[in-house]
Amino acid sequence: MSKLYLQLDDLRTLNTPDNIATIFRRLGYNAQSQLLDVSDLNLSSRNNEAIADSYLIADQGNGGLQALLISPFIRKNKTLNY
């Protein structure tokens, strides 16, 4: 198996789901940027409300690696309560 390297410029392109999937493909993963329905993630309703978009980036199948990209829903001027 050949060694795969990332360069700093590769990391600068990680600004879209498609570009993130491209990096995973270059690293040898079965990758794509497939938009997921947030409700399919089986999270609590509070967590679902916090997610703007979610993508399946890599899926090695059979219970192997799955990489998800989750974009948070950002509310301006909202105080966080912990």
Protein backbone atom coordinates (compact mmCIF):
# COMPACT_ATOMS: atom_id res chain seq x y z
CA MET A 1 0.00 0.00 0.00
CA SER A 2 1.43 3.35 -0.99
CA LYS A 3 1.72 6.15 1.54
CA LEU A 4 -0.66 9.04 1.10
CA TYR A 5 0.19 12.49 2.34
CA LEU A 6 -1.78 15.67 2.76
CA GLN A 7 -0.29 19.07 2.15
CA LEU A 8 -1.21 22.31 3.91
CA ASP A 9 -2.96 23.48 0.73
CA ASP A 10 -5.19 20.40 0.91
CA LEU A 11 -6.44 21.52 4.32
CA ARG A 12 -7.21 24.99 3.00
CA THR A 13 -9.78 23.50 0.62
CA LEU A 14 -11.91 21.95 3.36
CA ASN A 15 -14.66 24.52 2.94
CA THR A 16 -17.46 22.40 1.43
CA PRO A 17 -18.78 18.87 1.97
CA ASP A 18 -17.65 17.91 -1.56
CA ASN A 19 -14.09 19.08 -0.88
CA ILE A 20 -13.99 17.16 2.39
CA ALA A 21 -15.14 14.01 0.56
CA THR A 22 -12.41 14.57 -2.04
CA ILE A 23 -9.75 14.51 0.68
CA PHE A 24 -11.19 11.26 2.09
CA ARG A 25 -11.14 9.71 -1.42
CA ARG A 26 -7.49 10.73 -1.82
CA LEU A 27 -6.79 8.92 1.44
CA GLY A 28 -8.34 5.73 0.04
CA TYR A 29 -11.83 5.83 1.54
CA ASN A 30 -15.12 5.25 -0.24
CA ALA A 31 -16.27 8.85 0.09
CA GLN A 32 -18.98 11.14 -1.17
CA SER A 33 -20.93 14.05 0.25
CA GLN A 34 -24.40 12.65 0.66
CA LEU A 35 -26.86 14.97 2.39
CA LEU A 36 -28.55 13.19 5.29
CA ASP A 37 -31.90 13.82 6.92
CA VAL A 38 -31.03 14.93 10.46
CA SER A 39 -33.90 12.86 11.87
CA ASP A 40 -32.19 9.70 10.52
CA LEU A 41 -29.36 10.25 13.02
CA ASN A 42 -31.67 9.24 15.89
CA LEU A 43 -30.63 12.14 18.11
CA SER A 44 -32.72 13.88 20.72
CA SER A 45 -35.04 16.63 19.51
CA ARG A 46 -32.83 19.24 21.20
CA ASN A 47 -29.80 17.97 19.28
CA ASN A 48 -31.77 17.85 16.03
CA GLU A 49 -32.65 21.52 16.48
CA ALA A 50 -28.97 22.41 16.80
CA ILE A 51 -28.02 20.83 13.46
CA ALA A 52 -28.40 22.80 10.24
CA ASP A 53 -27.09 20.13 7.84
CA SER A 54 -25.52 16.70 8.05
CA TYR A 55 -23.60 14.75 5.41
CA LEU A 56 -22.32 11.23 5.10
CA ILE A 57 -18.75 11.79 3.92
CA ALA A 58 -17.25 8.29 4.07
CA ASP A 59 -18.76 4.84 4.54
CA GLN A 60 -16.60 1.74 4.60
CA GLY A 61 -19.69 -0.46 5.09
CA ASN A 62 -20.38 -3.50 7.25
CA GLY A 63 -20.15 -1.56 10.50
CA GLY A 64 -16.80 -0.07 9.58
CA LEU A 65 -15.84 3.56 9.49
CA GLN A 66 -18.50 6.15 8.82
CA ALA A 67 -17.49 9.81 8.77
CA LEU A 68 -20.23 12.38 9.21
CA LEU A 69 -20.02 16.11 8.71
CA ILE A 70 -22.43 17.98 10.95
CA SER A 71 -22.97 21.70 10.46
CA PRO A 72 -24.40 23.44 13.51
CA PHE A 73 -27.33 25.79 13.35
CA ILE A 74 -25.96 29.08 14.68
CA ARG A 75 -28.34 31.50 16.31
CA LYS A 76 -27.10 35.04 16.58
CA ASN A 77 -27.39 36.79 19.94
CA LYS A 78 -28.36 33.58 21.69
CA THR A 79 -27.05 32.89 25.18
CA LEU A 80 -25.99 29.29 25.74
CA ASN A 81 -27.21 27.63 28.92
CA TYR A 82 -25.12 24.75 30.23
